[in-house]
Each structure stands twice: as structure tokens, then as C-alpha cells.
Amino acid sequence: MAKGLRRGVIFLLILFASTVLHAQEAEPKKEFNELYDPVSVIKRASYDNFKNIKLLHAAIINFGGGEAEFDGLVNEYAEASALYFRESMIESANLFTKNERNINTVAAKIAQKYKEESEALHTELIKTHVRNNITLSLKGEKTNPTADLLITNAGFGIRKANDYLVRSKPVDSIYYFRRAKENCFKFYETIGQPVPDKFKKDMIDNQNRIYSSKEKEK
């Protein structure tokens, strides 16, 4: 091989190696499963994150960090979307993944509060139910089968919610804690007694509404 041709080949090899190395250095590190395609991650996370942020709105305002915490999740989602539209796919997938983790962290803290409130409410209504049953028994009257069913359904909801919480699915957990509370509120309605005032926020939240100072005045 002629010396000039050999030099040309060596130059091209060096140039090619340099280009490959530069491309490898320029490509950002994946902060999600290396085996996953970034576009697939974006499609899944963008859908799930949007849905969960929407579902958690009232819960975050009522039992979480308020508007600031909610806005933080929304802004993070928007930044990930902006990266996608600029075709920075790995960066976008990284940020959507981070957004997903942050949503779950917020939801887990809120779910723990829901757990405490749901169990306290359930215990409260069982005490009420026992007192009512004793009163009815002394009068020779039968207990209300609907009330019994609602207590059972509330207990099932709490068990289901706790299971999802243990399995690190806090958004699903919140859904079932709310269903448990719903059965508790129906219990009080069934026996013709008001829900204790300390659970008023839970009643408003269960309607996916924000508990505000106006609600306190009602």
C-alpha cells in the first residue's frame, strides 16, 4: 500500500474513532432501565403521570404540601414534555422517570395520612355501631343489616388499600382508602347520625373537592 494511501486510511480510522467516541460522550446516561427504549418510556410515563397528577390534585391540596407541591409536579411534567418536543428523547425519558418517582413519593406520604384517617373513622363508627346495637338489644329490637354491611365493606376497602400501600402503589391505595371512607359516611347516613366534625375534611376530599375556609364556615 502506498505511503500516502496508508496515511489516508489511518487518518480516516482516527477520525471515525474520534467521531464515535464523541457521540458516546455526548449521549446522556439513561436514568431508567437500560433495556428500555426512551420513546416507549416517554409514552407510558407521560400518560400515567398526567393521569396521576390529575387524580392527586385534591388529595395534595387537602392532605399534602398544597399548591406549591402540586405545581412542582406539574412544572416537572411540563419540562419533560418540552424536552420531548425538542427531540431530546433520553433527557425527556429521564425527567419523566424522575417525575414518576416524585409523584409516587408524594402519593405515598398522602396515602399514609389516608390510612390513619380511614382507620380512625372506621374505629369511630364501630364504637357507634356497638353502642347502637346494645341499645336496640335492650329494647328487644333487631340490628340494621345495612349498617353491618357498610362496616364490612369499609374494612375490606382499608385492607385493600393497605395491600396496595405495601406493594408501593400509593395512588391505588388512596383510591381504596377513599372507598373505605365512603362506606363509613354511608353508615352514618343509614343510622341517621351526623359524621363527627373531625372528619369533615375527609367528606369534602372524598368528593374530590378542596377543603377551604369556606367549607369550615358551613
Protein backbone atom coordinates (compact mmCIF):
# COMPACT_ATOMS: atom_id res chain seq x y z
CA MET A 1 0.00 0.00 0.00
CA ALA A 2 1.38 3.40 -0.94
CA LYS A 3 2.56 5.53 1.94
CA GLY A 4 0.10 8.33 1.06
CA LEU A 5 -2.85 5.93 0.87
CA ARG A 6 -1.85 4.28 4.13
CA ARG A 7 -1.73 7.66 5.84
CA GLY A 8 -5.14 8.50 4.42
CA VAL A 9 -6.64 5.26 5.75
CA ILE A 10 -5.10 5.81 9.18
CA PHE A 11 -6.46 9.36 9.23
CA LEU A 12 -9.97 8.15 8.38
CA LEU A 13 -9.82 5.46 11.07
CA ILE A 14 -8.73 8.00 13.66
CA LEU A 15 -11.45 10.40 12.52
CA PHE A 16 -14.09 7.65 12.70
CA ALA A 17 -12.95 6.56 16.18
CA SER A 18 -12.96 10.15 17.35
CA THR A 19 -16.47 10.69 15.99
CA VAL A 20 -17.80 7.55 17.69
CA LEU A 21 -16.13 8.46 20.97
CA HIS A 22 -17.54 11.98 20.80
CA ALA A 23 -21.04 10.62 20.12
CA GLN A 24 -20.75 8.27 23.09
CA GLU A 25 -19.60 11.09 25.35
CA ALA A 26 -22.37 13.40 24.13
CA GLU A 27 -25.18 10.91 24.69
CA PRO A 28 -26.69 11.38 28.17
CA LYS A 29 -26.81 8.49 30.62
CA LYS A 30 -30.12 6.69 30.89
CA GLU A 31 -31.69 7.10 34.32
CA PHE A 32 -34.20 4.36 33.60
CA ASN A 33 -33.85 0.69 32.63
CA GLU A 34 -31.05 0.49 30.04
CA LEU A 35 -33.02 -2.12 28.09
CA TYR A 36 -35.97 0.23 27.54
CA ASP A 37 -36.39 2.45 24.53
CA PRO A 38 -36.67 6.11 25.65
CA VAL A 39 -39.69 6.77 23.42
CA SER A 40 -41.56 3.85 25.00
CA VAL A 41 -40.71 5.20 28.46
CA ILE A 42 -41.97 8.65 27.47
CA LYS A 43 -45.25 7.33 26.05
CA ARG A 44 -46.04 5.28 29.15
CA ALA A 45 -44.86 7.78 31.77
CA SER A 46 -46.41 10.82 30.08
CA TYR A 47 -49.82 9.12 30.13
CA ASP A 48 -49.55 7.68 33.65
CA ASN A 49 -48.02 10.80 35.17
CA PHE A 50 -50.66 13.11 33.70
CA LYS A 51 -53.46 10.83 34.95
CA ASN A 52 -51.98 10.53 38.44
CA ILE A 53 -51.23 14.24 38.84
CA LYS A 54 -54.84 14.95 37.94
CA LEU A 55 -56.16 12.29 40.35
CA LEU A 56 -54.00 13.57 43.20
CA HIS A 57 -54.91 17.26 42.91
CA ALA A 58 -57.49 17.46 45.73
CA ALA A 59 -55.54 14.99 47.88
CA ILE A 60 -52.34 17.06 47.60
CA ILE A 61 -54.14 20.30 48.47
CA ASN A 62 -56.11 18.77 51.35
CA PHE A 63 -53.55 16.41 52.88
CA GLY A 64 -50.22 17.09 51.16
CA GLY A 65 -47.95 20.06 50.55
CA GLY A 66 -50.61 22.27 48.97
CA GLU A 67 -50.47 24.21 45.72
CA ALA A 68 -46.66 24.50 45.78
CA GLU A 69 -46.22 20.73 45.83
CA PHE A 70 -48.82 20.23 43.13
CA ASP A 71 -47.30 22.95 40.92
CA GLY A 72 -43.86 21.36 41.34
CA LEU A 73 -45.10 18.08 39.85
CA VAL A 74 -46.89 19.90 37.03
CA ASN A 75 -43.83 22.01 36.16
CA GLU A 76 -41.59 18.95 36.14
CA TYR A 77 -44.01 17.19 33.80
CA ALA A 78 -44.05 20.25 31.52
CA GLU A 79 -40.24 20.38 31.39
CA ALA A 80 -40.11 16.69 30.43
CA SER A 81 -42.66 17.38 27.70
CA ALA A 82 -40.60 20.30 26.39
CA LEU A 83 -37.56 18.04 26.07
CA TYR A 84 -39.66 15.55 24.11
CA PHE A 85 -40.84 18.20 21.64
CA ARG A 86 -37.19 19.23 21.16
CA GLU A 87 -36.47 15.56 20.41
CA SER A 88 -34.12 15.20 23.38
CA MET A 89 -35.51 11.73 23.96
CA ILE A 90 -33.19 10.36 26.63
CA GLU A 91 -33.30 13.59 28.65
CA SER A 92 -37.08 13.62 28.35
CA ALA A 93 -37.38 9.98 29.41
CA ASN A 94 -35.04 10.67 32.35
CA LEU A 95 -37.17 13.58 33.55
CA PHE A 96 -40.46 11.73 33.05
CA THR A 97 -38.99 8.89 35.12
CA LYS A 98 -37.96 11.35 37.84
CA ASN A 99 -41.44 12.91 37.71
CA GLU A 100 -43.00 9.48 38.15
CA ARG A 101 -40.85 8.80 41.23
CA ASN A 102 -41.71 12.17 42.73
CA ILE A 103 -45.43 11.60 42.14
CA ASN A 104 -45.18 8.26 43.93
CA THR A 105 -43.22 9.81 46.82
CA VAL A 106 -45.90 12.48 47.29
CA ALA A 107 -48.69 9.91 46.93
CA ALA A 108 -47.05 7.59 49.49
CA LYS A 109 -46.94 10.35 52.13
CA ILE A 110 -50.58 11.22 51.48
CA ALA A 111 -51.65 7.56 51.46
CA GLN A 112 -50.16 7.18 54.93
CA LYS A 113 -52.35 10.05 56.15
CA TYR A 114 -55.35 8.45 54.45
CA LYS A 115 -54.54 5.22 56.27
CA GLU A 116 -54.55 6.97 59.64
CA GLU A 117 -57.78 8.87 58.91
CA SER A 118 -59.58 5.84 57.43
CA GLU A 119 -58.70 3.57 60.34
CA ALA A 120 -59.67 6.23 62.89
CA LEU A 121 -63.00 6.80 61.13
CA HIS A 122 -63.68 3.06 60.90
CA THR A 123 -62.93 2.59 64.60
CA GLU A 124 -65.19 5.51 65.48
CA LEU A 125 -68.18 4.15 63.59
CA ILE A 126 -67.71 0.64 65.02
CA LYS A 127 -67.91 2.15 68.52
CA THR A 128 -71.09 3.94 67.48
CA HIS A 129 -72.46 0.72 65.97
CA VAL A 130 -71.75 -1.29 69.12
CA ARG A 131 -73.48 1.31 71.31
CA ASN A 132 -76.48 1.34 68.97
CA ASN A 133 -76.70 -2.45 68.93
CA ILE A 134 -76.65 -2.63 72.71
CA THR A 135 -79.43 -0.01 72.88
CA LEU A 136 -81.51 -1.90 70.30
CA SER A 137 -80.92 -5.21 72.06
CA LEU A 138 -82.09 -3.77 75.38
CA LYS A 139 -85.27 -2.69 73.61
CA GLY A 140 -85.68 -6.10 72.03
CA GLU A 141 -85.17 -4.69 68.53
CA LYS A 142 -83.08 -6.06 65.64
CA THR A 143 -79.85 -4.51 64.37
CA ASN A 144 -79.62 -2.82 60.98
CA PRO A 145 -78.18 -5.29 58.42
CA THR A 146 -77.23 -2.45 56.05
CA ALA A 147 -75.07 -0.89 58.74
CA ASP A 148 -73.32 -4.22 59.28
CA LEU A 149 -72.63 -4.50 55.53
CA LEU A 150 -71.22 -0.98 55.30
CA ILE A 151 -68.83 -1.65 58.18
CA THR A 152 -67.67 -4.85 56.45
CA ASN A 153 -67.21 -3.05 53.12
CA ALA A 154 -65.21 -0.27 54.81
CA GLY A 155 -62.96 -2.86 56.43
CA PHE A 156 -62.41 -4.56 53.07
CA GLY A 157 -61.51 -1.20 51.49
CA ILE A 158 -58.94 -0.49 54.20
CA ARG A 159 -57.36 -3.94 53.82
CA LYS A 160 -57.19 -3.49 50.03
CA ALA A 161 -55.68 0.00 50.39
CA ASN A 162 -53.07 -1.25 52.89
CA ASP A 163 -52.12 -4.03 50.47
CA TYR A 164 -51.50 -1.53 47.66
CA LEU A 165 -49.56 0.69 50.05
CA VAL A 166 -47.26 -2.21 51.00
CA ARG A 167 -46.77 -3.00 47.29
CA SER A 168 -45.66 0.61 46.63
CA LYS A 169 -48.76 1.54 44.65
CA PRO A 170 -49.84 4.60 46.64
CA VAL A 171 -52.19 6.10 44.04
CA ASP A 172 -54.24 2.88 44.00
CA SER A 173 -54.03 2.82 47.79
CA ILE A 174 -55.56 6.30 48.02
CA TYR A 175 -58.43 5.20 45.78
CA TYR A 176 -59.36 2.33 48.12
CA PHE A 177 -58.94 4.41 51.28
CA ARG A 178 -61.47 6.81 49.77
CA ARG A 179 -63.85 3.93 49.00
CA ALA A 180 -63.49 2.78 52.61
CA LYS A 181 -64.35 6.27 53.86
CA GLU A 182 -67.33 6.39 51.51
CA ASN A 183 -68.79 3.31 53.19
CA CYS A 184 -68.18 4.89 56.60
CA PHE A 185 -70.07 8.04 55.60
CA LYS A 186 -72.95 5.94 54.26
CA PHE A 187 -73.05 4.15 57.61
CA TYR A 188 -73.75 7.39 59.46
CA GLU A 189 -76.37 8.29 56.87
CA THR A 190 -78.01 4.89 57.31
CA ILE A 191 -78.32 5.19 61.09
CA GLY A 192 -79.44 8.81 60.86
CA GLN A 193 -76.49 10.34 62.70
CA PRO A 194 -74.09 13.09 61.54
CA VAL A 195 -70.48 12.29 60.71
CA PRO A 196 -68.22 13.61 63.50
CA ASP A 197 -66.94 17.12 62.72
CA LYS A 198 -63.30 16.00 62.86
CA PHE A 199 -63.90 14.03 59.63
CA LYS A 200 -65.46 16.92 57.70
CA LYS A 201 -62.32 17.44 55.61
CA ASP A 202 -62.41 13.75 54.67
CA MET A 203 -66.00 14.13 53.46
CA ILE A 204 -65.08 17.08 51.23
CA ASP A 205 -61.96 15.36 49.96
CA ASN A 206 -63.95 12.21 49.13
CA GLN A 207 -65.97 14.32 46.70
CA ASN A 208 -62.65 15.30 45.05
CA ARG A 209 -63.15 18.86 46.28
CA ILE A 210 -60.79 21.27 48.01
CA TYR A 211 -61.39 21.79 51.73
CA SER A 212 -61.21 25.55 52.23
CA SER A 213 -62.08 28.13 54.88
CA LYS A 214 -65.49 28.48 53.21
CA GLU A 215 -66.12 24.79 53.85
CA LYS A 216 -65.24 25.32 57.53
CA GLU A 217 -67.91 28.01 57.83
CA LYS A 218 -70.72 25.76 56.52
